[in-house]
PDB file of N, CA and C in Angstrom:
ATOM      1  N   MET A   1      55.976 195.184  -2.416  1.00  0.00           N
ATOM      2  CA  MET A   1      55.776 193.497  -3.308  1.00  0.00           C
ATOM      3  C   MET A   1      55.164 192.321  -2.221  1.00  0.00           C
ATOM      4  N   TYR A   2      53.789 191.892  -2.842  1.00  0.00           N
ATOM      5  CA  TYR A   2      53.377 191.042  -2.578  1.00  0.00           C
ATOM      6  C   TYR A   2      53.131 189.981  -3.779  1.00  0.00           C
ATOM      7  N   GLY A   3      53.248 188.201  -2.821  1.00  0.00           N
ATOM      8  CA  GLY A   3      52.674 187.610  -3.785  1.00  0.00           C
ATOM      9  C   GLY A   3      54.026 186.473  -3.305  1.00  0.00           C
ATOM     10  N   THR A   4      53.001 185.619  -4.066  1.00  0.00           N
ATOM     11  CA  THR A   4      54.331 184.111  -4.773  1.00  0.00           C
ATOM     12  C   THR A   4      53.732 183.507  -5.393  1.00  0.00           C
ATOM     13  N   TYR A   5      54.551 183.159  -6.632  1.00  0.00           N
ATOM     14  CA  TYR A   5      56.073 182.793  -7.565  1.00  0.00           C
ATOM     15  C   TYR A   5      53.998 181.595  -8.215  1.00  0.00           C
ATOM     16  N   LEU A   6      53.434 181.484  -7.469  1.00  0.00           N
ATOM     17  CA  LEU A   6      52.658 179.714  -7.127  1.00  0.00           C
ATOM     18  C   LEU A   6      51.415 180.628  -7.867  1.00  0.00           C
ATOM     19  N   GLY A   7      51.493 181.586  -7.525  1.00  0.00           N
ATOM     20  CA  GLY A   7      49.917 182.608  -7.734  1.00  0.00           C
ATOM     21  C   GLY A   7      49.521 184.061  -7.937  1.00  0.00           C
ATOM     22  N   TYR A   8      50.673 184.993  -7.162  1.00  0.00           N
ATOM     23  CA  TYR A   8      49.969 186.120  -8.256  1.00  0.00           C
ATOM     24  C   TYR A   8      51.586 187.077  -7.788  1.00  0.00           C
ATOM     25  N   VAL A   9      51.833 187.900  -7.522  1.00  0.00           N
ATOM     26  CA  VAL A   9      52.679 189.527  -7.558  1.00  0.00           C
ATOM     27  C   VAL A   9      52.381 190.116  -7.634  1.00  0.00           C
ATOM     28  N   GLU A  10      51.950 191.118  -6.099  1.00  0.00           N
ATOM     29  CA  GLU A  10      52.094 193.265  -7.052  1.00  0.00           C
ATOM     30  C   GLU A  10      52.257 193.176  -6.428  1.00  0.00           C
ATOM     31  N   PHE A  11      52.517 194.972  -6.281  1.00  0.00           N
ATOM     32  CA  PHE A  11      53.073 196.270  -6.288  1.00  0.00           C
ATOM     33  C   PHE A  11      52.555 197.821  -6.674  1.00  0.00           C
ATOM     34  N   ASP A  12      53.258 197.791  -4.985  1.00  0.00           N
ATOM     35  CA  ASP A  12      52.353 198.191  -4.654  1.00  0.00           C
ATOM     36  C   ASP A  12      49.746 198.636  -5.196  1.00  0.00           C
ATOM     37  N   GLY A  13      49.884 197.703  -4.398  1.00  0.00           N
ATOM     38  CA  GLY A  13      48.697 197.183  -4.385  1.00  0.00           C
ATOM     39  C   GLY A  13      47.605 196.679  -6.295  1.00  0.00           C
ATOM     40  N   ILE A  14      49.819 196.745  -7.062  1.00  0.00           N
ATOM     41  CA  ILE A  14      48.486 196.290  -8.320  1.00  0.00           C
ATOM     42  C   ILE A  14      48.921 194.932  -8.792  1.00  0.00           C
ATOM     43  N   ARG A  15      47.849 194.633  -9.021  1.00  0.00           N
ATOM     44  CA  ARG A  15      49.415 192.716  -9.225  1.00  0.00           C
ATOM     45  C   ARG A  15      49.019 193.175 -11.612  1.00  0.00           C
ATOM     46  N   TYR A  16      51.129 192.539 -11.405  1.00  0.00           N
ATOM     47  CA  TYR A  16      50.569 192.515 -11.986  1.00  0.00           C
ATOM     48  C   TYR A  16      51.067 191.457 -13.049  1.00  0.00           C
ATOM     49  N   TRP A  17      50.968 189.989 -11.864  1.00  0.00           N
ATOM     50  CA  TRP A  17      51.158 188.557 -12.608  1.00  0.00           C
ATOM     51  C   TRP A  17      50.264 187.727 -12.427  1.00  0.00           C
ATOM     52  N   ASP A  18      49.522 187.366 -12.267  1.00  0.00           N
ATOM     53  CA  ASP A  18      48.331 186.115 -11.639  1.00  0.00           C
ATOM     54  C   ASP A  18      48.358 184.760 -12.840  1.00  0.00           C
ATOM     55  N   ILE A  19      48.594 183.630 -12.118  1.00  0.00           N
ATOM     56  CA  ILE A  19      48.785 182.372 -12.084  1.00  0.00           C
ATOM     57  C   ILE A  19      48.624 182.081 -13.479  1.00  0.00           C
ATOM     58  N   ARG A  20      46.244 182.048 -13.160  1.00  0.00           N
ATOM     59  CA  ARG A  20      45.343 182.114 -13.137  1.00  0.00           C
ATOM     60  C   ARG A  20      44.500 182.401 -15.040  1.00  0.00           C
ATOM     61  N   GLU A  21      46.240 183.877 -15.461  1.00  0.00           N
ATOM     62  CA  GLU A  21      46.163 184.406 -16.753  1.00  0.00           C
ATOM     63  C   GLU A  21      47.288 184.481 -17.661  1.00  0.00           C
ATOM     64  N   PHE A  22      48.671 183.459 -16.310  1.00  0.00           N
ATOM     65  CA  PHE A  22      49.430 183.167 -17.344  1.00  0.00           C
ATOM     66  C   PHE A  22      48.701 182.260 -18.871  1.00  0.00           C
ATOM     67  N   LYS A  23      49.681 182.224 -19.837  1.00  0.00           N
ATOM     68  CA  LYS A  23      49.458 181.419 -20.544  1.00  0.00           C
ATOM     69  C   LYS A  23      51.359 180.554 -21.191  1.00  0.00           C
ATOM     70  N   PRO A  24      50.858 179.503 -21.272  1.00  0.00           N
ATOM     71  CA  PRO A  24      52.434 179.630 -21.033  1.00  0.00           C
ATOM     72  C   PRO A  24      52.927 179.397 -22.835  1.00  0.00           C
ATOM     73  N   PHE A  25      54.344 179.409 -23.143  1.00  0.00           N
ATOM     74  CA  PHE A  25      55.033 179.208 -24.470  1.00  0.00           C
ATOM     75  C   PHE A  25      55.080 177.397 -24.783  1.00  0.00           C
ATOM     76  N   PRO A  26      54.076 178.148 -25.995  1.00  0.00           N
ATOM     77  CA  PRO A  26      54.658 176.589 -26.746  1.00  0.00           C
ATOM     78  C   PRO A  26      55.870 176.221 -26.441  1.00  0.00           C
ATOM     79  N   VAL A  27      55.229 174.579 -26.369  1.00  0.00           N
ATOM     80  CA  VAL A  27      57.099 173.633 -26.540  1.00  0.00           C
ATOM     81  C   VAL A  27      57.362 173.194 -28.056  1.00  0.00           C
ATOM     82  N   ILE A  28      58.405 173.992 -28.178  1.00  0.00           N
ATOM     83  CA  ILE A  28      59.104 173.659 -29.663  1.00  0.00           C
ATOM     84  C   ILE A  28      59.907 172.430 -29.082  1.00  0.00           C
ATOM     85  N   PRO A  29      59.354 171.060 -30.099  1.00  0.00           N
ATOM     86  CA  PRO A  29      60.853 170.096 -29.944  1.00  0.00           C
ATOM     87  C   PRO A  29      61.946 170.546 -30.932  1.00  0.00           C
ATOM     88  N   CYS A  30      63.133 170.484 -29.662  1.00  0.00           N
ATOM     89  CA  CYS A  30      64.859 169.830 -30.477  1.00  0.00           C
ATOM     90  C   CYS A  30      64.821 168.544 -31.712  1.00  0.00           C
ATOM     91  N   ILE A  31      64.919 169.129 -32.305  1.00  0.00           N
ATOM     92  CA  ILE A  31      65.014 168.146 -33.907  1.00  0.00           C
ATOM     93  C   ILE A  31      66.436 167.676 -33.440  1.00  0.00           C
ATOM     94  N   GLN A  32      67.069 168.190 -32.875  1.00  0.00           N
ATOM     95  CA  GLN A  32      69.422 167.862 -32.846  1.00  0.00           C
ATOM     96  C   GLN A  32      69.754 167.623 -31.373  1.00  0.00           C
ATOM     97  N   ALA A  33      69.222 166.752 -30.364  1.00  0.00           N
ATOM     98  CA  ALA A  33      69.368 166.938 -28.858  1.00  0.00           C
ATOM     99  C   ALA A  33      70.715 167.124 -28.382  1.00  0.00           C
ATOM    100  N   LEU A  34      71.059 167.261 -28.026  1.00  0.00           N
ATOM    101  CA  LEU A  34      72.399 167.969 -27.276  1.00  0.00           C
ATOM    102  C   LEU A  34      73.145 166.220 -27.170  1.00  0.00           C
ATOM    103  N   PRO A  35      73.876 166.100 -26.726  1.00  0.00           N
ATOM    104  CA  PRO A  35      74.700 164.491 -26.958  1.00  0.00           C
ATOM    105  C   PRO A  35      74.460 163.405 -25.019  1.00  0.00           C
ATOM    106  N   SER A  36      74.071 165.198 -24.270  1.00  0.00           N
ATOM    107  CA  SER A  36      74.243 165.071 -22.966  1.00  0.00           C
ATOM    108  C   SER A  36      72.751 164.640 -22.172  1.00  0.00           C
ATOM    109  N   ASP A  37      71.874 164.795 -23.337  1.00  0.00           N
ATOM    110  CA  ASP A  37      70.598 164.508 -23.591  1.00  0.00           C
ATOM    111  C   ASP A  37      69.505 162.989 -22.454  1.00  0.00           C
ATOM    112  N   SER A  38      69.083 163.029 -21.676  1.00  0.00           N
ATOM    113  CA  SER A  38      68.694 162.139 -21.268  1.00  0.00           C
ATOM    114  C   SER A  38      67.519 161.188 -22.077  1.00  0.00           C
ATOM    115  N   ARG A  39      67.255 161.639 -23.146  1.00  0.00           N
ATOM    116  CA  ARG A  39      66.343 160.619 -24.060  1.00  0.00           C
ATOM    117  C   ARG A  39      67.713 159.097 -24.874  1.00  0.00           C
ATOM    118  N   TYR A  40      69.028 160.064 -24.335  1.00  0.00           N
ATOM    119  CA  TYR A  40      69.540 159.202 -25.054  1.00  0.00           C
ATOM    120  C   TYR A  40      70.599 157.846 -24.818  1.00  0.00           C
ATOM    121  N   ARG A  41      69.920 158.097 -22.535  1.00  0.00           N
ATOM    122  CA  ARG A  41      70.937 157.482 -21.768  1.00  0.00           C
ATOM    123  C   ARG A  41      70.571 155.558 -22.160  1.00  0.00           C
ATOM    124  N   PRO A  42      71.228 155.088 -22.175  1.00  0.00           N
ATOM    125  CA  PRO A  42      71.739 153.208 -22.498  1.00  0.00           C
ATOM    126  C   PRO A  42      70.805 152.407 -22.363  1.00  0.00           C
ATOM    127  N   ASP A  43      70.038 153.024 -20.477  1.00  0.00           N
ATOM    128  CA  ASP A  43      69.008 152.032 -20.346  1.00  0.00           C
ATOM    129  C   ASP A  43      67.615 152.441 -20.274  1.00  0.00           C
ATOM    130  N   LEU A  44      68.051 153.878 -20.701  1.00  0.00           N
ATOM    131  CA  LEU A  44      65.686 154.188 -21.137  1.00  0.00           C
ATOM    132  C   LEU A  44      66.109 154.268 -22.981  1.00  0.00           C
ATOM    133  N   GLN A  45      67.252 153.474 -23.814  1.00  0.00           N
ATOM    134  CA  GLN A  45      67.294 153.130 -25.110  1.00  0.00           C
ATOM    135  C   GLN A  45      67.134 151.792 -25.158  1.00  0.00           C
ATOM    136  N   THR A  46      67.113 150.994 -24.538  1.00  0.00           N
ATOM    137  CA  THR A  46      66.650 149.280 -23.618  1.00  0.00           C
ATOM    138  C   THR A  46      65.624 149.234 -23.241  1.00  0.00           C
ATOM    139  N   LEU A  47      65.139 149.640 -22.623  1.00  0.00           N
ATOM    140  CA  LEU A  47      63.584 150.457 -22.077  1.00  0.00           C
ATOM    141  C   LEU A  47      62.808 150.406 -22.937  1.00  0.00           C
ATOM    142  N   ALA A  48      63.202 150.624 -24.102  1.00  0.00           N
ATOM    143  CA  ALA A  48      61.946 151.654 -26.112  1.00  0.00           C
ATOM    144  C   ALA A  48      62.467 150.417 -26.796  1.00  0.00           C
ATOM    145  N   LEU A  49      63.400 149.334 -26.981  1.00  0.00           N
ATOM    146  CA  LEU A  49      63.756 148.326 -27.548  1.00  0.00           C
ATOM    147  C   LEU A  49      63.001 146.778 -26.722  1.00  0.00           C
ATOM    148  N   GLY A  50      62.560 147.272 -25.634  1.00  0.00           N
ATOM    149  CA  GLY A  50      60.915 146.227 -24.815  1.00  0.00           C
ATOM    150  C   GLY A  50      61.907 145.207 -23.716  1.00  0.00           C
ATOM    151  N   ASP A  51      63.190 145.486 -23.728  1.00  0.00           N
ATOM    152  CA  ASP A  51      64.355 144.522 -23.186  1.00  0.00           C
ATOM    153  C   ASP A  51      63.944 145.411 -21.283  1.00  0.00           C
ATOM    154  N   VAL A  52      63.383 145.320 -21.237  1.00  0.00           N
ATOM    155  CA  VAL A  52      63.659 145.234 -19.600  1.00  0.00           C
ATOM    156  C   VAL A  52      64.709 144.816 -18.712  1.00  0.00           C
ATOM    157  N   LEU A  53      65.139 143.512 -18.636  1.00  0.00           N
ATOM    158  CA  LEU A  53      65.624 142.936 -17.625  1.00  0.00           C
ATOM    159  C   LEU A  53      67.062 143.625 -17.824  1.00  0.00           C
ATOM    160  N   ASN A  54      67.579 143.960 -19.015  1.00  0.00           N
ATOM    161  CA  ASN A  54      69.294 144.310 -19.632  1.00  0.00           C
ATOM    162  C   ASN A  54      68.950 145.831 -18.930  1.00  0.00           C
ATOM    163  N   ALA A  55      67.665 146.409 -20.012  1.00  0.00           N
ATOM    164  CA  ALA A  55      66.867 148.041 -18.662  1.00  0.00           C
ATOM    165  C   ALA A  55      67.213 148.293 -17.234  1.00  0.00           C
ATOM    166  N   GLN A  56      67.026 146.738 -16.286  1.00  0.00           N
ATOM    167  CA  GLN A  56      67.155 147.998 -15.116  1.00  0.00           C
ATOM    168  C   GLN A  56      68.160 147.751 -15.774  1.00  0.00           C
ATOM    169  N   LYS A  57      69.732 146.732 -15.378  1.00  0.00           N
ATOM    170  CA  LYS A  57      70.738 146.479 -15.286  1.00  0.00           C
ATOM    171  C   LYS A  57      72.028 148.158 -15.892  1.00  0.00           C
ATOM    172  N   ARG A  58      71.429 148.304 -16.660  1.00  0.00           N
ATOM    173  CA  ARG A  58      72.150 150.108 -16.908  1.00  0.00           C
ATOM    174  C   ARG A  58      71.718 150.560 -16.479  1.00  0.00           C
ATOM    175  N   LYS A  59      70.206 151.002 -15.933  1.00  0.00           N
ATOM    176  CA  LYS A  59      70.154 151.969 -14.597  1.00  0.00           C
ATOM    177  C   LYS A  59      70.925 151.462 -14.124  1.00  0.00           C
ATOM    178  N   GLU A  60      70.560 150.351 -13.396  1.00  0.00           N
ATOM    179  CA  GLU A  60      71.495 149.591 -11.739  1.00  0.00           C
ATOM    180  C   GLU A  60      73.479 150.448 -11.796  1.00  0.00           C
ATOM    181  N   ASP A  61      73.760 150.426 -12.846  1.00  0.00           N
ATOM    182  CA  ASP A  61      75.013 150.887 -13.460  1.00  0.00           C
ATOM    183  C   ASP A  61      75.252 152.675 -13.535  1.00  0.00           C
ATOM    184  N   LEU A  62      74.451 152.951 -14.180  1.00  0.00           N
ATOM    185  CA  LEU A  62      74.422 154.484 -14.236  1.00  0.00           C
ATOM    186  C   LEU A  62      74.120 154.847 -13.008  1.00  0.00           C
ATOM    187  N   GLU A  63      73.492 154.338 -12.059  1.00  0.00           N
ATOM    188  CA  GLU A  63      73.138 154.594 -10.602  1.00  0.00           C
ATOM    189  C   GLU A  63      74.773 154.826  -9.812  1.00  0.00           C
ATOM    190  N   GLN A  64      74.907 153.944 -10.078  1.00  0.00           N
ATOM    191  CA  GLN A  64      76.523 152.525  -8.932  1.00  0.00           C
ATOM    192  C   GLN A  64      78.053 154.023  -9.656  1.00  0.00           C
ATOM    193  N   ALA A  65      78.199 154.280 -11.166  1.00  0.00           N
ATOM    194  CA  ALA A  65      78.931 155.248 -11.661  1.00  0.00           C
ATOM    195  C   ALA A  65      78.772 156.339 -10.875  1.00  0.00           C
ATOM    196  N   GLN A  66      77.168 157.415 -10.618  1.00  0.00           N
ATOM    197  CA  GLN A  66      76.498 158.309 -10.304  1.00  0.00           C
ATOM    198  C   GLN A  66      76.731 158.420  -8.429  1.00  0.00           C
ATOM    199  N   ARG A  67      76.828 157.387  -8.185  1.00  0.00           N
ATOM    200  CA  ARG A  67      78.031 157.322  -6.046  1.00  0.00           C
ATOM    201  C   ARG A  67      78.757 157.212  -6.620  1.00  0.00           C
ATOM    202  N   ARG A  68      79.437 156.544  -7.060  1.00  0.00           N
ATOM    203  CA  ARG A  68      80.837 156.712  -7.505  1.00  0.00           C
ATOM    204  C   ARG A  68      81.706 158.656  -7.885  1.00  0.00           C
ATOM    205  N   ASP A  69      81.076 159.260  -8.160  1.00  0.00           N
ATOM    206  CA  ASP A  69      81.713 160.721  -8.916  1.00  0.00           C
ATOM    207  C   ASP A  69      80.644 160.931  -7.727  1.00  0.00           C
ATOM    208  N   ALA A  70      80.194 160.751  -7.435  1.00  0.00           N
ATOM    209  CA  ALA A  70      79.203 161.498  -6.072  1.00  0.00           C
ATOM    210  C   ALA A  70      80.614 161.566  -4.642  1.00  0.00           C
ATOM    211  N   ARG A  71      80.844 161.035  -4.495  1.00  0.00           N
ATOM    212  CA  ARG A  71      81.908 160.568  -3.785  1.00  0.00           C
ATOM    213  C   ARG A  71      82.996 160.825  -3.759  1.00  0.00           C
ATOM    214  N   LEU A  72      83.726 160.830  -5.061  1.00  0.00           N
ATOM    215  CA  LEU A  72      84.124 161.586  -5.131  1.00  0.00           C
ATOM    216  C   LEU A  72      84.792 163.220  -5.449  1.00  0.00           C
ATOM    217  N   ARG A  73      83.737 163.606  -5.081  1.00  0.00           N
ATOM    218  CA  ARG A  73      83.855 164.773  -5.392  1.00  0.00           C
ATOM    219  C   ARG A  73      83.332 165.072  -3.603  1.00  0.00           C
ATOM    220  N   ALA A  74      82.842 164.589  -2.709  1.00  0.00           N
ATOM    221  CA  ALA A  74      83.239 165.486  -1.227  1.00  0.00           C
ATOM    222  C   ALA A  74      84.347 164.783  -1.160  1.00  0.00           C
ATOM    223  N   GLU A  75      85.066 163.501  -1.757  1.00  0.00           N
ATOM    224  CA  GLU A  75      86.890 163.574  -1.135  1.00  0.00           C
ATOM    225  C   GLU A  75      87.158 165.088  -1.451  1.00  0.00           C
ATOM    226  N   ALA A  76      87.118 165.691  -2.908  1.00  0.00           N
ATOM    227  CA  ALA A  76      88.231 166.357  -3.765  1.00  0.00           C
ATOM    228  C   ALA A  76      87.757 167.618  -2.510  1.00  0.00           C
ATOM    229  N   LYS A  77      87.069 168.067  -1.702  1.00  0.00           N
ATOM    230  CA  LYS A  77      86.070 169.058  -1.213  1.00  0.00           C
ATOM    231  C   LYS A  77      86.286 169.092   0.262  1.00  0.00           C
ATOM    232  N   LYS A  78      87.100 168.071   0.309  1.00  0.00           N
ATOM    233  CA  LYS A  78      87.935 167.502   1.865  1.00  0.00           C
ATOM    234  C   LYS A  78      88.733 168.354   2.267  1.00  0.00           C
ATOM    235  N   PRO A  79      89.790 169.104   3.478  1.00  0.00           N
ATOM    236  CA  PRO A  79      90.499 169.559   3.324  1.00  0.00           C
ATOM    237  C   PRO A  79      91.922 168.674   3.772  1.00  0.00           C
ATOM    238  N   LEU A  80      92.925 168.512   2.713  1.00  0.00           N
ATOM    239  CA  LEU A  80      94.570 168.221   2.467  1.00  0.00           C
ATOM    240  C   LEU A  80      94.483 168.048   3.873  1.00  0.00           C
ATOM    241  N   LYS A  81      94.577 167.000   4.893  1.00  0.00           N
ATOM    242  CA  LYS A  81      96.112 166.789   6.022  1.00  0.00           C
ATOM    243  C   LYS A  81      97.431 166.992   5.515  1.00  0.00           C
ATOM    244  N   LYS A  82      97.681 167.697   6.672  1.00  0.00           N
ATOM    245  CA  LYS A  82      99.124 168.278   6.524  1.00  0.00           C
ATOM    246  C   LYS A  82      99.655 166.848   6.493  1.00  0.00           C
ATOM    247  N   LYS A  83     100.961 167.198   6.398  1.00  0.00           N
ATOM    248  CA  LYS A  83     102.240 166.047   6.713  1.00  0.00           C
ATOM    249  C   LYS A  83     102.422 166.733   7.793  1.00  0.00           C
ATOM    250  N   ARG A  84     103.311 166.186   8.827  1.00  0.00           N
ATOM    251  CA  ARG A  84     103.844 166.852  10.473  1.00  0.00           C
ATOM    252  C   ARG A  84     105.516 166.368   9.301  1.00  0.00           C
ATOM    253  N   ARG A  85     105.980 167.437  10.478  1.00  0.00           N
ATOM    254  CA  ARG A  85     108.172 167.056   9.766  1.00  0.00           C
ATOM    255  C   ARG A  85     108.315 167.622  11.352  1.00  0.00           C
ATOM    256  N   TRP A  86     109.541 166.337  11.450  1.00  0.00           N
ATOM    257  CA  TRP A  86     109.544 166.449  12.800  1.00  0.00           C
ATOM    258  C   TRP A  86     111.582 166.288  12.918  1.00  0.00           C
ATOM    259  N   PHE A  87     111.349 167.250  12.478  1.00  0.00           N
ATOM    260  CA  PHE A  87     113.466 168.173  11.831  1.00  0.00           C
ATOM    261  C   PHE A  87     113.413 168.930  13.094  1.00  0.00           C
TER     262      PHE A  87
END
């Protein structure tokens, strides 16, 4: 096997896939997106209404929440310290 996913793939000298000949699938828009879809983010909805300052504030709030969640995940991965017993 030879090639790269950014260019082409060959097996035993036979080219089976080439990005230059690849025709992508058409995008089918989703009519009813999941509640977690990024287009429902409060900062983006506020920005779409033209309220740039409030959108920036909401974006910063979201980033703070993400940082807090990342810290909590990191703390949860740390091993628990064993308590010493003196008896």
